[in-house]
């Protein structure tokens, strides 16, 4: 399935071993606000989505990437994701 490019990809990093994982309320509020104004938004929650971030990025071709992060254990994954996205942009 070919997906249309999105204006923004909002990513919720893995919340480590926290059960249940945190619901990304902040990202969902931002997505809702932007969608109401006509932007194409995709939310990728690494706690439940199993597709590789590289594949998601290349499928959606976002103009902007946003990353939500709570302090604590999710910071490590947020750093990993930000480096992956940077590497994809500057290939």
PDB file of N, CA and C in Angstrom:
ATOM      1  N   UNK A   1       0.842  -1.176   0.000  1.00  0.00           N
ATOM      2  CA  UNK A   1       0.000   0.000   0.000  1.00  0.00           C
ATOM      3  C   UNK A   1       0.889   1.242   0.000  1.00  0.00           C
ATOM      4  N   UNK A   2       0.664   2.143  -0.926  1.00  0.00           N
ATOM      5  CA  UNK A   2       1.421   3.388  -0.981  1.00  0.00           C
ATOM      6  C   UNK A   2       0.654   4.452  -0.203  1.00  0.00           C
ATOM      7  N   UNK A   3       1.329   5.101   0.711  1.00  0.00           N
ATOM      8  CA  UNK A   3       0.712   6.128   1.533  1.00  0.00           C
ATOM      9  C   UNK A   3       1.120   7.502   1.036  1.00  0.00           C
ATOM     10  N   UNK A   4       0.207   8.452   1.160  1.00  0.00           N
ATOM     11  CA  UNK A   4       0.508   9.829   0.781  1.00  0.00           C
ATOM     12  C   UNK A   4       1.428  10.446   1.836  1.00  0.00           C
ATOM     13  N   UNK A   5       2.329  11.324   1.417  1.00  0.00           N
ATOM     14  CA  UNK A   5       3.181  12.002   2.401  1.00  0.00           C
ATOM     15  C   UNK A   5       2.334  12.772   3.417  1.00  0.00           C
ATOM     16  N   UNK A   6       2.853  12.871   4.626  1.00  0.00           N
ATOM     17  CA  UNK A   6       2.141  13.594   5.685  1.00  0.00           C
ATOM     18  C   UNK A   6       2.874  14.893   5.993  1.00  0.00           C
ATOM     19  N   UNK A   7       2.143  15.827   6.572  1.00  0.00           N
ATOM     20  CA  UNK A   7       2.766  17.080   6.984  1.00  0.00           C
ATOM     21  C   UNK A   7       3.647  16.862   8.210  1.00  0.00           C
ATOM     22  N   UNK A   8       3.175  16.005   9.132  1.00  0.00           N
ATOM     23  CA  UNK A   8       3.949  15.763  10.348  1.00  0.00           C
ATOM     24  C   UNK A   8       3.787  14.323  10.817  1.00  0.00           C
ATOM     25  N   UNK A   9       4.870  13.774  11.291  1.00  0.00           N
ATOM     26  CA  UNK A   9       4.887  12.470  11.937  1.00  0.00           C
ATOM     27  C   UNK A   9       5.219  12.726  13.396  1.00  0.00           C
ATOM     28  N   UNK A  10       4.297  12.377  14.280  1.00  0.00           N
ATOM     29  CA  UNK A  10       4.497  12.560  15.718  1.00  0.00           C
ATOM     30  C   UNK A  10       4.820  11.200  16.322  1.00  0.00           C
ATOM     31  N   UNK A  11       5.923  11.106  17.036  1.00  0.00           N
ATOM     32  CA  UNK A  11       6.421   9.827  17.532  1.00  0.00           C
ATOM     33  C   UNK A  11       6.415   9.800  19.057  1.00  0.00           C
ATOM     34  N   UNK A  12       5.845   8.734  19.601  1.00  0.00           N
ATOM     35  CA  UNK A  12       5.885   8.489  21.035  1.00  0.00           C
ATOM     36  C   UNK A  12       6.942   7.417  21.288  1.00  0.00           C
ATOM     37  N   UNK A  13       8.043   7.743  21.995  1.00  0.00           N
ATOM     38  CA  UNK A  13       9.098   6.753  22.219  1.00  0.00           C
ATOM     39  C   UNK A  13       8.647   5.649  23.179  1.00  0.00           C
ATOM     40  N   UNK A  14       9.405   4.573  23.175  1.00  0.00           N
ATOM     41  CA  UNK A  14       9.113   3.447  24.067  1.00  0.00           C
ATOM     42  C   UNK A  14       9.257   3.908  25.512  1.00  0.00           C
ATOM     43  N   UNK A  15       8.285   3.556  26.333  1.00  0.00           N
ATOM     44  CA  UNK A  15       8.295   3.934  27.750  1.00  0.00           C
ATOM     45  C   UNK A  15       8.986   2.864  28.586  1.00  0.00           C
ATOM     46  N   UNK A  16      10.082   2.332  28.079  1.00  0.00           N
ATOM     47  CA  UNK A  16      10.887   1.294  28.737  1.00  0.00           C
ATOM     48  C   UNK A  16      10.026   0.121  29.146  1.00  0.00           C
ATOM     49  N   UNK A  17      10.126  -0.271  30.369  1.00  0.00           N
ATOM     50  CA  UNK A  17       9.402  -1.449  30.832  1.00  0.00           C
ATOM     51  C   UNK A  17       8.140  -1.078  31.616  1.00  0.00           C
ATOM     52  N   UNK A  18       7.705   0.162  31.490  1.00  0.00           N
ATOM     53  CA  UNK A  18       6.528   0.609  32.213  1.00  0.00           C
ATOM     54  C   UNK A  18       5.294  -0.085  31.661  1.00  0.00           C
ATOM     55  N   UNK A  19       4.537  -0.734  32.520  1.00  0.00           N
ATOM     56  CA  UNK A  19       3.304  -1.390  32.107  1.00  0.00           C
ATOM     57  C   UNK A  19       2.180  -0.749  32.906  1.00  0.00           C
ATOM     58  N   UNK A  20       1.141  -0.218  32.322  1.00  0.00           N
ATOM     59  CA  UNK A  20       1.022  -0.047  30.877  1.00  0.00           C
ATOM     60  C   UNK A  20       1.866   1.131  30.407  1.00  0.00           C
ATOM     61  N   UNK A  21       2.137   1.158  29.129  1.00  0.00           N
ATOM     62  CA  UNK A  21       2.894   2.259  28.542  1.00  0.00           C
ATOM     63  C   UNK A  21       2.078   3.549  28.655  1.00  0.00           C
ATOM     64  N   UNK A  22       2.770   4.672  28.627  1.00  0.00           N
ATOM     65  CA  UNK A  22       2.097   5.957  28.728  1.00  0.00           C
ATOM     66  C   UNK A  22       1.317   6.268  27.456  1.00  0.00           C
ATOM     67  N   UNK A  23       0.092   6.754  27.608  1.00  0.00           N
ATOM     68  CA  UNK A  23      -0.681   7.229  26.461  1.00  0.00           C
ATOM     69  C   UNK A  23      -0.115   8.602  26.094  1.00  0.00           C
ATOM     70  N   UNK A  24       0.186   8.827  24.827  1.00  0.00           N
ATOM     71  CA  UNK A  24       0.824  10.088  24.428  1.00  0.00           C
ATOM     72  C   UNK A  24      -0.182  11.239  24.308  1.00  0.00           C
ATOM     73  N   UNK A  25      -0.737  11.658  25.447  1.00  0.00           N
ATOM     74  CA  UNK A  25      -1.764  12.703  25.438  1.00  0.00           C
ATOM     75  C   UNK A  25      -1.301  13.971  24.735  1.00  0.00           C
ATOM     76  N   UNK A  26      -0.091  14.418  25.014  1.00  0.00           N
ATOM     77  CA  UNK A  26       0.415  15.649  24.403  1.00  0.00           C
ATOM     78  C   UNK A  26       0.453  15.559  22.891  1.00  0.00           C
ATOM     79  N   UNK A  27       0.990  14.451  22.372  1.00  0.00           N
ATOM     80  CA  UNK A  27       1.050  14.272  20.916  1.00  0.00           C
ATOM     81  C   UNK A  27      -0.346  14.186  20.317  1.00  0.00           C
ATOM     82  N   UNK A  28      -1.260  13.533  21.016  1.00  0.00           N
ATOM     83  CA  UNK A  28      -2.631  13.406  20.513  1.00  0.00           C
ATOM     84  C   UNK A  28      -3.341  14.763  20.489  1.00  0.00           C
ATOM     85  N   UNK A  29      -3.083  15.613  21.477  1.00  0.00           N
ATOM     86  CA  UNK A  29      -3.660  16.967  21.469  1.00  0.00           C
ATOM     87  C   UNK A  29      -3.122  17.773  20.280  1.00  0.00           C
ATOM     88  N   UNK A  30      -1.820  17.689  20.066  1.00  0.00           N
ATOM     89  CA  UNK A  30      -1.214  18.401  18.943  1.00  0.00           C
ATOM     90  C   UNK A  30      -1.783  17.890  17.625  1.00  0.00           C
ATOM     91  N   UNK A  31      -1.892  16.560  17.499  1.00  0.00           N
ATOM     92  CA  UNK A  31      -2.424  15.957  16.273  1.00  0.00           C
ATOM     93  C   UNK A  31      -3.856  16.412  16.031  1.00  0.00           C
ATOM     94  N   UNK A  32      -4.672  16.396  17.048  1.00  0.00           N
ATOM     95  CA  UNK A  32      -6.070  16.812  16.924  1.00  0.00           C
ATOM     96  C   UNK A  32      -6.177  18.257  16.463  1.00  0.00           C
ATOM     97  N   UNK A  33      -5.401  19.133  17.081  1.00  0.00           N
ATOM     98  CA  UNK A  33      -5.407  20.552  16.741  1.00  0.00           C
ATOM     99  C   UNK A  33      -4.999  20.754  15.274  1.00  0.00           C
ATOM    100  N   UNK A  34      -3.931  20.077  14.866  1.00  0.00           N
ATOM    101  CA  UNK A  34      -3.429  20.233  13.499  1.00  0.00           C
ATOM    102  C   UNK A  34      -4.395  19.648  12.467  1.00  0.00           C
ATOM    103  N   UNK A  35      -4.975  18.494  12.770  1.00  0.00           N
ATOM    104  CA  UNK A  35      -5.922  17.856  11.847  1.00  0.00           C
ATOM    105  C   UNK A  35      -7.140  18.747  11.629  1.00  0.00           C
ATOM    106  N   UNK A  36      -7.621  19.379  12.695  1.00  0.00           N
ATOM    107  CA  UNK A  36      -8.766  20.290  12.579  1.00  0.00           C
ATOM    108  C   UNK A  36      -8.443  21.466  11.655  1.00  0.00           C
ATOM    109  N   UNK A  37      -7.185  21.786  11.494  1.00  0.00           N
ATOM    110  CA  UNK A  37      -6.769  22.904  10.641  1.00  0.00           C
ATOM    111  C   UNK A  37      -6.295  22.451   9.260  1.00  0.00           C
ATOM    112  N   UNK A  38      -6.555  21.179   8.960  1.00  0.00           N
ATOM    113  CA  UNK A  38      -6.309  20.688   7.613  1.00  0.00           C
ATOM    114  C   UNK A  38      -4.966  20.042   7.350  1.00  0.00           C
ATOM    115  N   UNK A  39      -4.162  19.854   8.381  1.00  0.00           N
ATOM    116  CA  UNK A  39      -2.860  19.213   8.191  1.00  0.00           C
ATOM    117  C   UNK A  39      -3.016  17.692   8.206  1.00  0.00           C
ATOM    118  N   UNK A  40      -2.141  17.019   7.476  1.00  0.00           N
ATOM    119  CA  UNK A  40      -2.122  15.546   7.472  1.00  0.00           C
ATOM    120  C   UNK A  40      -1.106  15.107   8.524  1.00  0.00           C
ATOM    121  N   UNK A  41      -1.601  14.426   9.537  1.00  0.00           N
ATOM    122  CA  UNK A  41      -0.784  14.050  10.683  1.00  0.00           C
ATOM    123  C   UNK A  41      -0.831  12.540  10.870  1.00  0.00           C
ATOM    124  N   UNK A  42       0.302  11.960  11.241  1.00  0.00           N
ATOM    125  CA  UNK A  42       0.358  10.545  11.598  1.00  0.00           C
ATOM    126  C   UNK A  42       1.041  10.436  12.952  1.00  0.00           C
ATOM    127  N   UNK A  43       0.467   9.604  13.827  1.00  0.00           N
ATOM    128  CA  UNK A  43       1.058   9.375  15.147  1.00  0.00           C
ATOM    129  C   UNK A  43       1.597   7.949  15.165  1.00  0.00           C
ATOM    130  N   UNK A  44       2.861   7.810  15.519  1.00  0.00           N
ATOM    131  CA  UNK A  44       3.522   6.508  15.578  1.00  0.00           C
ATOM    132  C   UNK A  44       3.907   6.258  17.032  1.00  0.00           C
ATOM    133  N   UNK A  45       3.242   5.304  17.667  1.00  0.00           N
ATOM    134  CA  UNK A  45       3.492   4.979  19.070  1.00  0.00           C
ATOM    135  C   UNK A  45       4.370   3.734  19.127  1.00  0.00           C
ATOM    136  N   UNK A  46       5.622   3.905  19.505  1.00  0.00           N
ATOM    137  CA  UNK A  46       6.572   2.790  19.514  1.00  0.00           C
ATOM    138  C   UNK A  46       6.268   1.764  20.595  1.00  0.00           C
ATOM    139  N   UNK A  47       5.317   2.059  21.480  1.00  0.00           N
ATOM    140  CA  UNK A  47       4.920   1.090  22.495  1.00  0.00           C
ATOM    141  C   UNK A  47       3.973   0.039  21.933  1.00  0.00           C
ATOM    142  N   UNK A  48       3.272   0.374  20.861  1.00  0.00           N
ATOM    143  CA  UNK A  48       2.300  -0.573  20.293  1.00  0.00           C
ATOM    144  C   UNK A  48       2.533  -0.863  18.814  1.00  0.00           C
ATOM    145  N   UNK A  49       3.153   0.059  18.080  1.00  0.00           N
ATOM    146  CA  UNK A  49       3.435  -0.155  16.662  1.00  0.00           C
ATOM    147  C   UNK A  49       4.746  -0.922  16.537  1.00  0.00           C
ATOM    148  N   UNK A  50       4.740  -1.960  15.712  1.00  0.00           N
ATOM    149  CA  UNK A  50       5.925  -2.806  15.614  1.00  0.00           C
ATOM    150  C   UNK A  50       6.763  -2.538  14.371  1.00  0.00           C
ATOM    151  N   UNK A  51       6.260  -1.711  13.464  1.00  0.00           N
ATOM    152  CA  UNK A  51       7.000  -1.444  12.234  1.00  0.00           C
ATOM    153  C   UNK A  51       8.243  -0.603  12.544  1.00  0.00           C
ATOM    154  N   UNK A  52       9.330  -0.905  11.879  1.00  0.00           N
ATOM    155  CA  UNK A  52      10.598  -0.218  12.069  1.00  0.00           C
ATOM    156  C   UNK A  52      10.446   1.274  11.734  1.00  0.00           C
ATOM    157  N   UNK A  53      11.069   2.134  12.530  1.00  0.00           N
ATOM    158  CA  UNK A  53      10.966   3.582  12.324  1.00  0.00           C
ATOM    159  C   UNK A  53      11.465   3.991  10.941  1.00  0.00           C
ATOM    160  N   UNK A  54      12.483   3.319  10.422  1.00  0.00           N
ATOM    161  CA  UNK A  54      12.990   3.643   9.087  1.00  0.00           C
ATOM    162  C   UNK A  54      11.921   3.417   8.025  1.00  0.00           C
ATOM    163  N   UNK A  55      11.206   2.301   8.142  1.00  0.00           N
ATOM    164  CA  UNK A  55      10.154   1.957   7.179  1.00  0.00           C
ATOM    165  C   UNK A  55       9.017   2.972   7.261  1.00  0.00           C
ATOM    166  N   UNK A  56       8.625   3.306   8.478  1.00  0.00           N
ATOM    167  CA  UNK A  56       7.540   4.279   8.673  1.00  0.00           C
ATOM    168  C   UNK A  56       7.927   5.624   8.072  1.00  0.00           C
ATOM    169  N   UNK A  57       9.128   6.074   8.345  1.00  0.00           N
ATOM    170  CA  UNK A  57       9.597   7.368   7.843  1.00  0.00           C
ATOM    171  C   UNK A  57       9.611   7.393   6.321  1.00  0.00           C
ATOM    172  N   UNK A  58      10.127   6.344   5.705  1.00  0.00           N
ATOM    173  CA  UNK A  58      10.220   6.303   4.248  1.00  0.00           C
ATOM    174  C   UNK A  58       8.853   6.169   3.579  1.00  0.00           C
ATOM    175  N   UNK A  59       7.900   5.523   4.253  1.00  0.00           N
ATOM    176  CA  UNK A  59       6.544   5.400   3.706  1.00  0.00           C
ATOM    177  C   UNK A  59       5.806   6.740   3.759  1.00  0.00           C
ATOM    178  N   UNK A  60       5.914   7.414   4.889  1.00  0.00           N
ATOM    179  CA  UNK A  60       5.112   8.621   5.116  1.00  0.00           C
ATOM    180  C   UNK A  60       5.768   9.892   4.603  1.00  0.00           C
ATOM    181  N   UNK A  61       7.086   9.911   4.491  1.00  0.00           N
ATOM    182  CA  UNK A  61       7.822  11.088   4.013  1.00  0.00           C
ATOM    183  C   UNK A  61       7.341  12.392   4.670  1.00  0.00           C
ATOM    184  N   UNK A  62       7.411  12.464   5.998  1.00  0.00           N
ATOM    185  CA  UNK A  62       6.898  13.654   6.691  1.00  0.00           C
ATOM    186  C   UNK A  62       7.737  14.897   6.414  1.00  0.00           C
ATOM    187  N   UNK A  63       7.063  16.040   6.399  1.00  0.00           N
ATOM    188  CA  UNK A  63       7.767  17.320   6.276  1.00  0.00           C
ATOM    189  C   UNK A  63       8.400  17.703   7.607  1.00  0.00           C
ATOM    190  N   UNK A  64       7.735  17.308   8.704  1.00  0.00           N
ATOM    191  CA  UNK A  64       8.183  17.638  10.053  1.00  0.00           C
ATOM    192  C   UNK A  64       8.030  16.387  10.918  1.00  0.00           C
ATOM    193  N   UNK A  65       8.964  16.190  11.834  1.00  0.00           N
ATOM    194  CA  UNK A  65       8.874  15.086  12.791  1.00  0.00           C
ATOM    195  C   UNK A  65       8.865  15.685  14.190  1.00  0.00           C
ATOM    196  N   UNK A  66       7.897  15.242  14.998  1.00  0.00           N
ATOM    197  CA  UNK A  66       7.814  15.676  16.387  1.00  0.00           C
ATOM    198  C   UNK A  66       7.967  14.472  17.285  1.00  0.00           C
ATOM    199  N   UNK A  67       8.613  14.663  18.405  1.00  0.00           N
ATOM    200  CA  UNK A  67       8.894  13.565  19.310  1.00  0.00           C
ATOM    201  C   UNK A  67       8.455  13.968  20.705  1.00  0.00           C
ATOM    202  N   UNK A  68       7.532  13.208  21.281  1.00  0.00           N
ATOM    203  CA  UNK A  68       7.089  13.479  22.640  1.00  0.00           C
ATOM    204  C   UNK A  68       7.931  12.658  23.595  1.00  0.00           C
ATOM    205  N   UNK A  69       8.205  13.192  24.765  1.00  0.00           N
ATOM    206  CA  UNK A  69       9.037  12.430  25.696  1.00  0.00           C
ATOM    207  C   UNK A  69       8.800  12.898  27.118  1.00  0.00           C
ATOM    208  N   UNK A  70       8.561  11.942  27.989  1.00  0.00           N
ATOM    209  CA  UNK A  70       8.515  12.229  29.416  1.00  0.00           C
ATOM    210  C   UNK A  70       9.922  12.063  29.968  1.00  0.00           C
ATOM    211  N   UNK A  71      10.200  12.695  31.088  1.00  0.00           N
ATOM    212  CA  UNK A  71      11.500  12.469  31.703  1.00  0.00           C
ATOM    213  C   UNK A  71      11.534  11.042  32.218  1.00  0.00           C
ATOM    214  N   UNK A  72      12.697  10.515  32.326  1.00  0.00           N
ATOM    215  CA  UNK A  72      12.822   9.150  32.824  1.00  0.00           C
ATOM    216  C   UNK A  72      13.277   8.194  31.752  1.00  0.00           C
ATOM    217  N   UNK A  73      12.759   7.000  31.800  1.00  0.00           N
ATOM    218  CA  UNK A  73      13.282   5.907  30.978  1.00  0.00           C
ATOM    219  C   UNK A  73      13.015   6.043  29.491  1.00  0.00           C
ATOM    220  N   UNK A  74      12.044   6.832  29.077  1.00  0.00           N
ATOM    221  CA  UNK A  74      11.772   6.951  27.642  1.00  0.00           C
ATOM    222  C   UNK A  74      12.781   7.843  26.919  1.00  0.00           C
ATOM    223  N   UNK A  75      13.621   8.527  27.665  1.00  0.00           N
ATOM    224  CA  UNK A  75      14.603   9.422  27.052  1.00  0.00           C
ATOM    225  C   UNK A  75      15.580   8.654  26.161  1.00  0.00           C
ATOM    226  N   UNK A  76      16.000   7.472  26.595  1.00  0.00           N
ATOM    227  CA  UNK A  76      16.947   6.693  25.791  1.00  0.00           C
ATOM    228  C   UNK A  76      16.373   6.377  24.412  1.00  0.00           C
ATOM    229  N   UNK A  77      15.113   5.966  24.350  1.00  0.00           N
ATOM    230  CA  UNK A  77      14.508   5.659  23.057  1.00  0.00           C
ATOM    231  C   UNK A  77      14.290   6.932  22.247  1.00  0.00           C
ATOM    232  N   UNK A  78      13.950   8.023  22.905  1.00  0.00           N
ATOM    233  CA  UNK A  78      13.758   9.296  22.199  1.00  0.00           C
ATOM    234  C   UNK A  78      15.067   9.729  21.530  1.00  0.00           C
ATOM    235  N   UNK A  79      16.180   9.561  22.209  1.00  0.00           N
ATOM    236  CA  UNK A  79      17.481   9.894  21.624  1.00  0.00           C
ATOM    237  C   UNK A  79      17.771   8.973  20.442  1.00  0.00           C
ATOM    238  N   UNK A  80      17.507   7.679  20.609  1.00  0.00           N
ATOM    239  CA  UNK A  80      17.717   6.722  19.520  1.00  0.00           C
ATOM    240  C   UNK A  80      16.896   7.115  18.291  1.00  0.00           C
ATOM    241  N   UNK A  81      15.607   7.404  18.491  1.00  0.00           N
ATOM    242  CA  UNK A  81      14.718   7.754  17.376  1.00  0.00           C
ATOM    243  C   UNK A  81      15.178   9.041  16.707  1.00  0.00           C
ATOM    244  N   UNK A  82      15.566  10.038  17.489  1.00  0.00           N
ATOM    245  CA  UNK A  82      15.997  11.309  16.894  1.00  0.00           C
ATOM    246  C   UNK A  82      17.243  11.111  16.028  1.00  0.00           C
ATOM    247  N   UNK A  83      18.154  10.249  16.449  1.00  0.00           N
ATOM    248  CA  UNK A  83      19.350   9.967  15.643  1.00  0.00           C
ATOM    249  C   UNK A  83      18.985   9.208  14.374  1.00  0.00           C
ATOM    250  N   UNK A  84      18.051   8.261  14.478  1.00  0.00           N
ATOM    251  CA  UNK A  84      17.604   7.506  13.300  1.00  0.00           C
ATOM    252  C   UNK A  84      16.978   8.444  12.268  1.00  0.00           C
ATOM    253  N   UNK A  85      16.110   9.345  12.725  1.00  0.00           N
ATOM    254  CA  UNK A  85      15.458  10.278  11.822  1.00  0.00           C
ATOM    255  C   UNK A  85      16.481  11.205  11.183  1.00  0.00           C
ATOM    256  N   UNK A  86      17.410  11.693  11.974  1.00  0.00           N
ATOM    257  CA  UNK A  86      18.465  12.560  11.435  1.00  0.00           C
ATOM    258  C   UNK A  86      19.255  11.833  10.345  1.00  0.00           C
ATOM    259  N   UNK A  87      19.596  10.580  10.594  1.00  0.00           N
ATOM    260  CA  UNK A  87      20.337   9.796   9.605  1.00  0.00           C
ATOM    261  C   UNK A  87      19.525   9.582   8.332  1.00  0.00           C
ATOM    262  N   UNK A  88      18.224   9.411   8.461  1.00  0.00           N
ATOM    263  CA  UNK A  88      17.367   9.241   7.286  1.00  0.00           C
ATOM    264  C   UNK A  88      17.268  10.521   6.480  1.00  0.00           C
ATOM    265  N   UNK A  89      17.245  11.643   7.136  1.00  0.00           N
ATOM    266  CA  UNK A  89      17.133  12.936   6.458  1.00  0.00           C
ATOM    267  C   UNK A  89      18.410  13.255   5.699  1.00  0.00           C
ATOM    268  N   UNK A  90      19.545  12.961   6.297  1.00  0.00           N
ATOM    269  CA  UNK A  90      20.829  13.351   5.714  1.00  0.00           C
ATOM    270  C   UNK A  90      21.529  12.226   4.977  1.00  0.00           C
ATOM    271  N   UNK A  91      20.795  11.244   4.487  1.00  0.00           N
ATOM    272  CA  UNK A  91      21.389  10.150   3.687  1.00  0.00           C
ATOM    273  C   UNK A  91      21.978  10.694   2.436  1.00  0.00           C
TER     274      UNK A  91
END
